[in-house]
N, C-alpha and C. Protein backbone atom coordinates (compact mmCIF):
# COMPACT_ATOMS: atom_id res chain seq x y z
N MET A 1 19.66 -9.41 11.43
CA MET A 1 19.76 -10.04 10.07
C MET A 1 18.27 -9.45 9.27
N ASP A 2 18.34 -9.40 7.84
CA ASP A 2 17.27 -9.30 7.11
C ASP A 2 16.50 -10.29 7.21
N SER A 3 14.69 -10.14 7.42
CA SER A 3 13.97 -11.28 7.18
C SER A 3 13.63 -10.96 5.58
N PRO A 4 13.30 -12.63 5.17
CA PRO A 4 13.36 -12.94 3.39
C PRO A 4 12.07 -12.12 3.19
N ARG A 5 12.26 -11.45 1.89
CA ARG A 5 10.94 -10.61 1.13
C ARG A 5 10.00 -11.89 0.88
N THR A 6 8.67 -11.07 0.85
CA THR A 6 7.41 -11.96 0.87
C THR A 6 7.09 -11.37 -0.63
N ARG A 7 7.48 -9.99 -0.98
CA ARG A 7 7.12 -9.09 -2.47
C ARG A 7 7.78 -8.81 -2.80
N PRO A 8 7.84 -8.30 -4.08
CA PRO A 8 9.05 -7.92 -5.25
C PRO A 8 9.50 -6.76 -4.39
N LEU A 9 10.52 -6.39 -4.72
CA LEU A 9 11.13 -5.10 -4.43
C LEU A 9 11.37 -4.09 -5.48
N ILE A 10 10.93 -3.08 -5.69
CA ILE A 10 11.30 -2.11 -6.94
C ILE A 10 11.38 -0.83 -6.54
N LEU A 11 13.20 -0.59 -7.06
CA LEU A 11 13.46 0.70 -6.99
C LEU A 11 13.38 2.07 -7.92
N ALA A 12 12.78 2.79 -7.75
CA ALA A 12 12.32 3.88 -8.68
C ALA A 12 13.23 5.90 -8.66
N ALA A 13 13.55 5.87 -9.52
CA ALA A 13 14.86 6.60 -9.22
C ALA A 13 14.15 7.46 -10.33
N ASP A 14 13.39 8.95 -10.06
CA ASP A 14 13.36 10.04 -10.96
C ASP A 14 13.55 11.19 -10.06
N ASP A 15 13.69 12.42 -10.47
CA ASP A 15 14.12 13.61 -10.14
C ASP A 15 13.33 14.74 -10.02
N GLU A 16 11.77 13.62 -10.21
CA GLU A 16 10.70 14.62 -10.67
C GLU A 16 9.51 13.63 -9.32
N VAL A 17 9.40 14.58 -8.38
CA VAL A 17 8.76 13.27 -7.22
C VAL A 17 7.21 13.47 -7.53
N HIS A 18 6.57 13.66 -8.42
CA HIS A 18 5.22 13.95 -9.09
C HIS A 18 5.30 12.27 -10.11
N ILE A 19 6.23 11.82 -10.42
CA ILE A 19 6.08 11.06 -11.14
C ILE A 19 6.59 9.57 -9.84
N LEU A 20 7.52 9.68 -9.20
CA LEU A 20 7.90 8.89 -8.18
C LEU A 20 6.61 8.70 -7.66
N HIS A 21 5.74 9.49 -7.40
CA HIS A 21 4.45 9.25 -6.37
C HIS A 21 3.88 8.40 -7.30
N VAL A 22 3.14 8.85 -8.69
CA VAL A 22 2.34 7.96 -9.74
C VAL A 22 3.17 6.24 -9.98
N LEU A 23 4.14 6.37 -9.56
CA LEU A 23 5.05 5.17 -9.95
C LEU A 23 4.82 4.57 -8.93
N GLY A 24 4.93 4.72 -7.42
CA GLY A 24 4.77 4.35 -5.90
C GLY A 24 3.52 3.66 -5.74
N LEU A 25 2.82 4.79 -6.39
CA LEU A 25 1.23 4.33 -6.13
C LEU A 25 0.57 3.18 -7.20
N LYS A 26 1.03 2.99 -8.20
CA LYS A 26 0.52 2.58 -9.00
C LYS A 26 1.31 1.17 -8.89
N LEU A 27 2.68 0.91 -8.27
CA LEU A 27 3.30 -0.31 -8.00
C LEU A 27 2.62 -0.95 -6.70
N ARG A 28 2.59 0.00 -5.64
CA ARG A 28 2.25 -0.41 -4.54
C ARG A 28 0.82 -1.12 -4.39
N ASN A 29 -0.07 -0.36 -5.54
CA ASN A 29 -1.71 -1.04 -5.39
C ASN A 29 -1.24 -2.47 -6.75
N ALA A 30 -0.26 -2.59 -6.92
CA ALA A 30 -0.21 -4.39 -7.38
C ALA A 30 0.11 -5.03 -6.56
N GLY A 31 0.74 -4.67 -5.18
CA GLY A 31 1.10 -5.67 -4.62
C GLY A 31 2.68 -5.27 -4.01
N LEU A 32 3.13 -4.34 -4.76
CA LEU A 32 5.19 -4.74 -5.01
C LEU A 32 5.26 -3.63 -4.12
N ASP A 33 6.61 -3.62 -3.20
CA ASP A 33 7.17 -2.77 -2.04
C ASP A 33 7.48 -2.10 -3.14
N VAL A 34 8.06 -0.56 -2.98
CA VAL A 34 8.73 0.19 -3.18
C VAL A 34 9.79 1.16 -2.62
N LEU A 35 10.78 1.17 -3.54
CA LEU A 35 11.48 2.37 -2.50
C LEU A 35 11.69 3.57 -3.58
N THR A 36 11.81 4.65 -2.97
CA THR A 36 12.12 5.61 -4.18
C THR A 36 13.64 6.65 -4.08
N ALA A 37 14.30 6.96 -4.83
CA ALA A 37 15.33 7.45 -4.97
C ALA A 37 15.29 9.33 -5.91
N GLU A 38 15.68 9.86 -5.49
CA GLU A 38 15.45 11.18 -6.45
C GLU A 38 16.46 11.57 -6.99
N ASP A 39 17.98 10.71 -7.29
CA ASP A 39 18.64 11.80 -7.80
C ASP A 39 19.96 9.92 -8.22
N GLY A 40 20.48 10.10 -9.02
CA GLY A 40 21.41 8.51 -9.46
C GLY A 40 21.98 8.01 -8.08
N GLU A 41 22.70 9.27 -7.42
CA GLU A 41 23.60 8.61 -6.84
C GLU A 41 22.96 8.37 -5.36
N GLU A 42 22.04 8.35 -5.12
CA GLU A 42 20.99 7.57 -4.23
C GLU A 42 20.49 6.57 -4.21
N ALA A 43 19.97 6.66 -5.72
CA ALA A 43 19.72 5.83 -6.21
C ALA A 43 20.76 4.60 -6.14
N LEU A 44 21.71 4.10 -6.47
CA LEU A 44 22.87 3.45 -6.02
C LEU A 44 23.20 3.14 -5.17
N GLU A 45 23.14 4.18 -4.19
CA GLU A 45 23.20 3.30 -2.75
C GLU A 45 22.06 2.72 -2.25
N MET A 46 20.84 2.84 -2.88
CA MET A 46 20.16 2.19 -2.06
C MET A 46 19.89 0.72 -2.68
N ALA A 47 20.17 0.90 -4.38
CA ALA A 47 20.30 -0.92 -4.47
C ALA A 47 21.72 -1.51 -4.07
N ARG A 48 22.63 -0.93 -3.13
CA ARG A 48 23.60 -1.77 -2.98
C ARG A 48 23.79 -2.32 -1.68
N LYS A 49 22.77 -1.42 -1.16
CA LYS A 49 22.04 -1.46 0.58
C LYS A 49 20.74 -2.34 0.25
N HIS A 50 20.09 -2.28 -0.60
CA HIS A 50 18.45 -3.23 -0.50
C HIS A 50 18.21 -4.35 -1.49
N GLN A 51 19.60 -4.41 -2.43
CA GLN A 51 19.55 -5.39 -3.20
C GLN A 51 17.42 -5.40 -4.01
N PRO A 52 16.94 -4.79 -4.73
CA PRO A 52 15.51 -4.40 -5.32
C PRO A 52 15.99 -5.63 -6.36
N ASP A 53 14.48 -5.92 -6.77
CA ASP A 53 14.42 -6.63 -8.06
C ASP A 53 14.68 -6.01 -9.48
N LEU A 54 14.02 -5.16 -9.27
CA LEU A 54 13.98 -4.49 -10.19
C LEU A 54 13.99 -3.01 -9.97
N VAL A 55 15.34 -1.78 -11.21
CA VAL A 55 15.04 -0.49 -10.52
C VAL A 55 14.47 0.37 -12.25
N ILE A 56 13.40 1.08 -11.72
CA ILE A 56 12.96 1.80 -12.75
C ILE A 56 13.70 3.07 -12.29
N THR A 57 14.55 3.92 -13.73
CA THR A 57 15.20 4.58 -13.15
C THR A 57 15.26 5.86 -14.70
N ASP A 58 14.84 7.27 -14.87
CA ASP A 58 14.73 8.26 -15.42
C ASP A 58 16.62 8.27 -16.11
N PHE A 59 15.89 8.98 -17.51
CA PHE A 59 17.13 8.90 -18.39
C PHE A 59 18.50 10.51 -17.59
N GLN A 60 17.63 11.32 -17.09
CA GLN A 60 17.97 12.46 -16.94
C GLN A 60 17.26 12.83 -15.36
N MET A 61 18.90 12.77 -14.54
CA MET A 61 18.95 13.11 -13.15
C MET A 61 20.24 13.65 -13.02
N PRO A 62 19.66 14.38 -11.50
CA PRO A 62 21.27 14.80 -11.50
C PRO A 62 22.25 14.44 -10.91
N LEU A 63 23.47 14.33 -10.38
CA LEU A 63 24.32 13.78 -9.96
C LEU A 63 25.27 12.44 -10.89
N LEU A 64 24.62 10.96 -10.97
CA LEU A 64 24.35 10.16 -12.08
C LEU A 64 23.25 10.44 -12.65
N ASN A 65 23.51 10.48 -14.31
CA ASN A 65 22.10 10.23 -15.11
C ASN A 65 21.91 8.56 -14.82
N GLY A 66 20.33 8.26 -15.56
CA GLY A 66 20.27 6.89 -15.62
C GLY A 66 21.40 6.10 -15.71
N LEU A 67 21.93 6.59 -17.48
CA LEU A 67 22.91 5.68 -17.91
C LEU A 67 23.62 5.00 -17.01
N GLU A 68 24.42 6.08 -16.37
CA GLU A 68 25.44 6.06 -15.83
C GLU A 68 24.86 4.90 -14.49
N LEU A 69 24.30 5.24 -13.79
CA LEU A 69 23.14 4.34 -12.90
C LEU A 69 23.61 3.18 -13.20
N CYS A 70 22.95 2.46 -14.51
CA CYS A 70 22.76 1.42 -14.69
C CYS A 70 24.41 0.87 -15.50
N GLN A 71 25.09 1.90 -15.77
CA GLN A 71 26.71 1.33 -15.90
C GLN A 71 27.11 0.64 -15.01
N GLN A 72 26.75 1.43 -13.42
CA GLN A 72 27.33 1.46 -12.04
C GLN A 72 27.05 -0.29 -11.56
N LEU A 73 25.71 0.01 -11.89
CA LEU A 73 24.65 -1.23 -11.23
C LEU A 73 25.10 -2.23 -11.80
N LYS A 74 25.77 -2.32 -13.01
CA LYS A 74 26.65 -3.44 -13.94
C LYS A 74 27.40 -4.11 -13.70
N ALA A 75 28.42 -2.76 -13.26
CA ALA A 75 29.87 -3.05 -12.74
C ALA A 75 30.29 -3.72 -11.53
N ASP A 76 28.91 -3.46 -10.67
CA ASP A 76 29.25 -3.69 -8.81
C ASP A 76 28.90 -5.30 -9.05
N GLU A 77 29.64 -6.38 -8.41
CA GLU A 77 29.21 -7.94 -8.59
C GLU A 77 27.80 -7.96 -7.31
N THR A 78 27.49 -7.27 -6.66
CA THR A 78 26.60 -6.88 -6.13
C THR A 78 25.20 -6.75 -6.00
N THR A 79 24.78 -5.93 -7.76
CA THR A 79 24.15 -5.43 -8.25
C THR A 79 23.74 -5.95 -9.52
N ALA A 80 24.82 -6.35 -9.77
CA ALA A 80 25.13 -6.65 -12.02
C ALA A 80 24.05 -7.54 -12.15
N SER A 81 23.34 -7.90 -11.24
CA SER A 81 22.41 -9.15 -12.24
C SER A 81 20.68 -8.26 -11.80
N ILE A 82 20.63 -7.18 -11.56
CA ILE A 82 19.54 -6.58 -11.25
C ILE A 82 19.05 -6.12 -12.61
N PRO A 83 18.38 -6.47 -13.05
CA PRO A 83 17.73 -5.77 -14.56
C PRO A 83 16.99 -4.29 -13.90
N THR A 84 16.72 -3.47 -14.93
CA THR A 84 16.48 -1.92 -15.22
C THR A 84 15.44 -1.44 -16.15
N LEU A 85 14.67 -0.49 -15.64
CA LEU A 85 13.69 0.02 -17.04
C LEU A 85 13.85 1.29 -17.01
N MET A 86 13.95 2.17 -18.53
CA MET A 86 14.61 3.49 -18.22
C MET A 86 13.43 3.79 -18.87
N LEU A 87 13.42 4.75 -18.23
CA LEU A 87 12.62 6.05 -18.81
C LEU A 87 13.25 7.17 -19.29
N THR A 88 12.79 7.07 -20.67
CA THR A 88 13.37 8.31 -21.28
C THR A 88 12.15 9.53 -21.67
N ALA A 89 12.97 10.90 -22.45
CA ALA A 89 12.03 11.86 -22.73
C ALA A 89 11.86 10.91 -24.29
N ARG A 90 11.09 11.72 -24.88
CA ARG A 90 10.58 10.68 -26.57
C ARG A 90 11.69 11.25 -27.19
N GLY A 91 11.89 10.59 -28.37
CA GLY A 91 13.05 11.16 -29.14
C GLY A 91 14.68 10.43 -28.78
N PHE A 92 14.74 10.56 -27.79
CA PHE A 92 15.73 9.47 -26.73
C PHE A 92 16.27 8.32 -26.98
N SER A 93 17.11 7.90 -27.33
CA SER A 93 17.27 6.49 -28.22
C SER A 93 18.71 5.86 -27.72
N LEU A 94 19.15 4.33 -27.26
CA LEU A 94 20.20 4.55 -26.19
C LEU A 94 20.73 3.41 -27.63
N SER A 95 21.61 3.36 -27.17
CA SER A 95 22.94 2.57 -28.55
C SER A 95 22.93 1.40 -27.88
N ALA A 96 23.31 0.41 -29.01
CA ALA A 96 23.30 -0.94 -28.74
C ALA A 96 24.65 -1.06 -27.86
N GLU A 97 25.97 -0.27 -28.05
CA GLU A 97 26.50 -0.45 -26.89
C GLU A 97 26.08 -0.10 -25.78
N ASP A 98 25.15 0.73 -24.92
CA ASP A 98 24.98 1.62 -24.01
C ASP A 98 24.11 0.66 -23.40
N LEU A 99 23.76 -0.38 -24.04
CA LEU A 99 22.74 -1.62 -23.55
C LEU A 99 23.42 -2.84 -23.50
N GLU A 100 24.71 -2.74 -23.70
CA GLU A 100 25.84 -4.13 -23.75
C GLU A 100 26.00 -3.85 -22.57
N LYS A 101 26.90 -2.76 -21.82
CA LYS A 101 26.90 -2.27 -20.23
C LYS A 101 26.51 -1.94 -19.63
N THR A 102 25.15 -2.54 -19.45
CA THR A 102 24.29 -2.15 -18.56
C THR A 102 23.25 -3.09 -18.63
N ASN A 103 22.01 -3.28 -17.82
CA ASN A 103 21.00 -4.52 -17.69
C ASN A 103 20.13 -3.82 -18.08
N ILE A 104 20.03 -3.40 -19.16
CA ILE A 104 18.50 -1.99 -19.18
C ILE A 104 17.88 -3.65 -19.97
N ALA A 105 16.79 -3.76 -19.07
CA ALA A 105 15.91 -4.74 -19.77
C ALA A 105 14.87 -4.10 -20.85
N GLY A 106 14.27 -2.95 -21.05
CA GLY A 106 13.57 -2.37 -21.11
C GLY A 106 13.53 -0.68 -21.12
N VAL A 107 12.65 -0.05 -22.16
CA VAL A 107 12.90 1.46 -22.11
C VAL A 107 11.92 2.02 -22.91
N LEU A 108 11.20 2.61 -21.65
CA LEU A 108 9.98 3.49 -22.00
C LEU A 108 9.73 5.20 -22.07
N SER A 109 9.48 5.49 -23.05
CA SER A 109 8.98 7.02 -23.38
C SER A 109 8.34 7.66 -22.17
N LYS A 110 8.99 8.65 -21.91
CA LYS A 110 8.16 9.78 -21.45
C LYS A 110 6.93 10.35 -22.31
N PRO A 111 5.92 11.12 -22.48
CA PRO A 111 4.84 10.94 -21.20
C PRO A 111 4.57 9.22 -21.62
N PHE A 112 4.75 8.36 -20.07
CA PHE A 112 3.95 7.48 -20.14
C PHE A 112 3.20 6.50 -19.59
N SER A 113 2.45 5.33 -19.24
CA SER A 113 1.28 5.37 -18.94
C SER A 113 1.43 4.39 -17.73
N PRO A 114 1.41 4.47 -16.15
CA PRO A 114 1.72 4.05 -14.87
C PRO A 114 1.39 2.21 -15.32
N ARG A 115 -0.12 2.21 -15.98
CA ARG A 115 -0.43 0.55 -16.26
C ARG A 115 0.65 0.17 -16.99
N GLU A 116 1.40 0.97 -18.32
CA GLU A 116 2.05 0.40 -19.20
C GLU A 116 3.63 0.25 -18.30
N VAL A 117 4.09 0.71 -17.23
CA VAL A 117 5.44 0.40 -16.96
C VAL A 117 4.89 -0.76 -15.74
N LEU A 118 3.86 -1.02 -15.08
CA LEU A 118 3.17 -2.09 -14.13
C LEU A 118 3.13 -3.21 -15.30
N SER A 119 2.91 -2.84 -16.36
CA SER A 119 2.91 -4.38 -17.30
C SER A 119 4.00 -4.99 -17.75
N ARG A 120 5.29 -4.28 -17.50
CA ARG A 120 6.45 -4.50 -18.27
C ARG A 120 7.07 -4.85 -16.81
N VAL A 121 7.14 -4.44 -15.75
CA VAL A 121 7.70 -4.52 -14.34
C VAL A 121 7.15 -6.46 -14.39
N GLN A 122 5.75 -5.99 -13.96
CA GLN A 122 5.23 -7.67 -14.00
C GLN A 122 6.15 -8.67 -14.98
N GLU A 123 5.96 -8.23 -16.56
CA GLU A 123 6.43 -9.09 -17.47
C GLU A 123 8.20 -9.47 -16.77
N LEU A 124 8.86 -8.02 -16.59
CA LEU A 124 9.99 -8.58 -16.35
C LEU A 124 10.24 -9.36 -15.14
N LEU A 125 9.63 -9.12 -14.24
CA LEU A 125 9.54 -10.07 -13.16
C LEU A 125 8.91 -11.06 -13.42
N GLY A 126 8.71 -11.41 -14.14
CA GLY A 126 7.79 -12.80 -14.59
C GLY A 126 6.56 -13.00 -13.34
N LEU A 127 5.87 -12.15 -13.39
CA LEU A 127 4.82 -11.65 -12.29
C LEU A 127 2.82 -12.14 -13.34
N THR A 128 2.45 -13.19 -12.40
CA THR A 128 1.11 -12.53 -13.08
C THR A 128 0.84 -11.48 -12.96
N PRO A 129 0.13 -10.66 -13.92
CA PRO A 129 -0.71 -9.68 -13.66
C PRO A 129 -2.15 -9.58 -12.45
N MET A 130 -1.74 -8.84 -11.42
CA MET A 130 -2.55 -8.46 -10.12
C MET A 130 -3.82 -7.76 -10.51
N PRO A 131 -5.27 -7.69 -10.44
CA PRO A 131 -5.83 -6.77 -10.76
C PRO A 131 -5.78 -5.63 -9.85
N THR A 132 -5.67 -4.50 -10.38
CA THR A 132 -5.17 -2.95 -8.82
C THR A 132 -6.91 -2.66 -8.90
N HIS A 133 -6.59 -2.00 -7.85
CA HIS A 133 -7.86 -1.21 -7.24
C HIS A 133 -8.76 -0.21 -8.28
N THR A 134 -7.87 0.22 -9.08
CA THR A 134 -8.50 1.30 -10.27
C THR A 134 -8.69 0.61 -11.13
N GLU A 135 -8.49 -0.72 -11.53
CA GLU A 135 -9.12 -1.18 -13.30
C GLU A 135 -10.25 -1.59 -12.49
N ALA A 136 -10.86 -1.71 -11.17
CA ALA A 136 -12.21 -2.31 -11.03
C ALA A 136 -13.12 -1.15 -11.02
N LEU A 137 -12.78 0.40 -11.12
CA LEU A 137 -13.93 1.38 -11.01
C LEU A 137 -14.40 1.93 -12.77
N PRO A 138 -15.30 2.22 -12.69
CA PRO A 138 -15.13 2.56 -13.78
C PRO A 138 -14.99 3.64 -14.90
N VAL A 139 -14.75 3.76 -15.95
CA VAL A 139 -14.02 4.77 -16.30
C VAL A 139 -14.83 6.03 -17.23
N LEU A 140 -14.36 7.50 -16.56
CA LEU A 140 -15.50 8.34 -16.84
C LEU A 140 -15.24 9.26 -17.95
């Protein structure tokens, strides 16, 4: 039997490993647990298995794109209530119909600020922002 979680669990899905690294670092430094997936099918399996508190997904991914992932998450009763944050290329927009068929709670354009992603995650999860290690350092 799984022990109860003490920290929110975020699932980040992107086929660009450097983006997963940056997201993971920023979110972990803020006290969140992070799982990563490199394609939509892997993300769907992980979401079903681990029941994250939030999914962050890129739109353009192999096997299942981010929109298809979000539609499948909403269609499955075990993952239907998990909110998602979509990362998209500039200029891409989601229709009202796309949003209705998913649990997309926010959309951020790439390139994005890791601080902005953290802020949106904290907002969506109702968390009080915690200072991260990097925020205490002077900006050079």
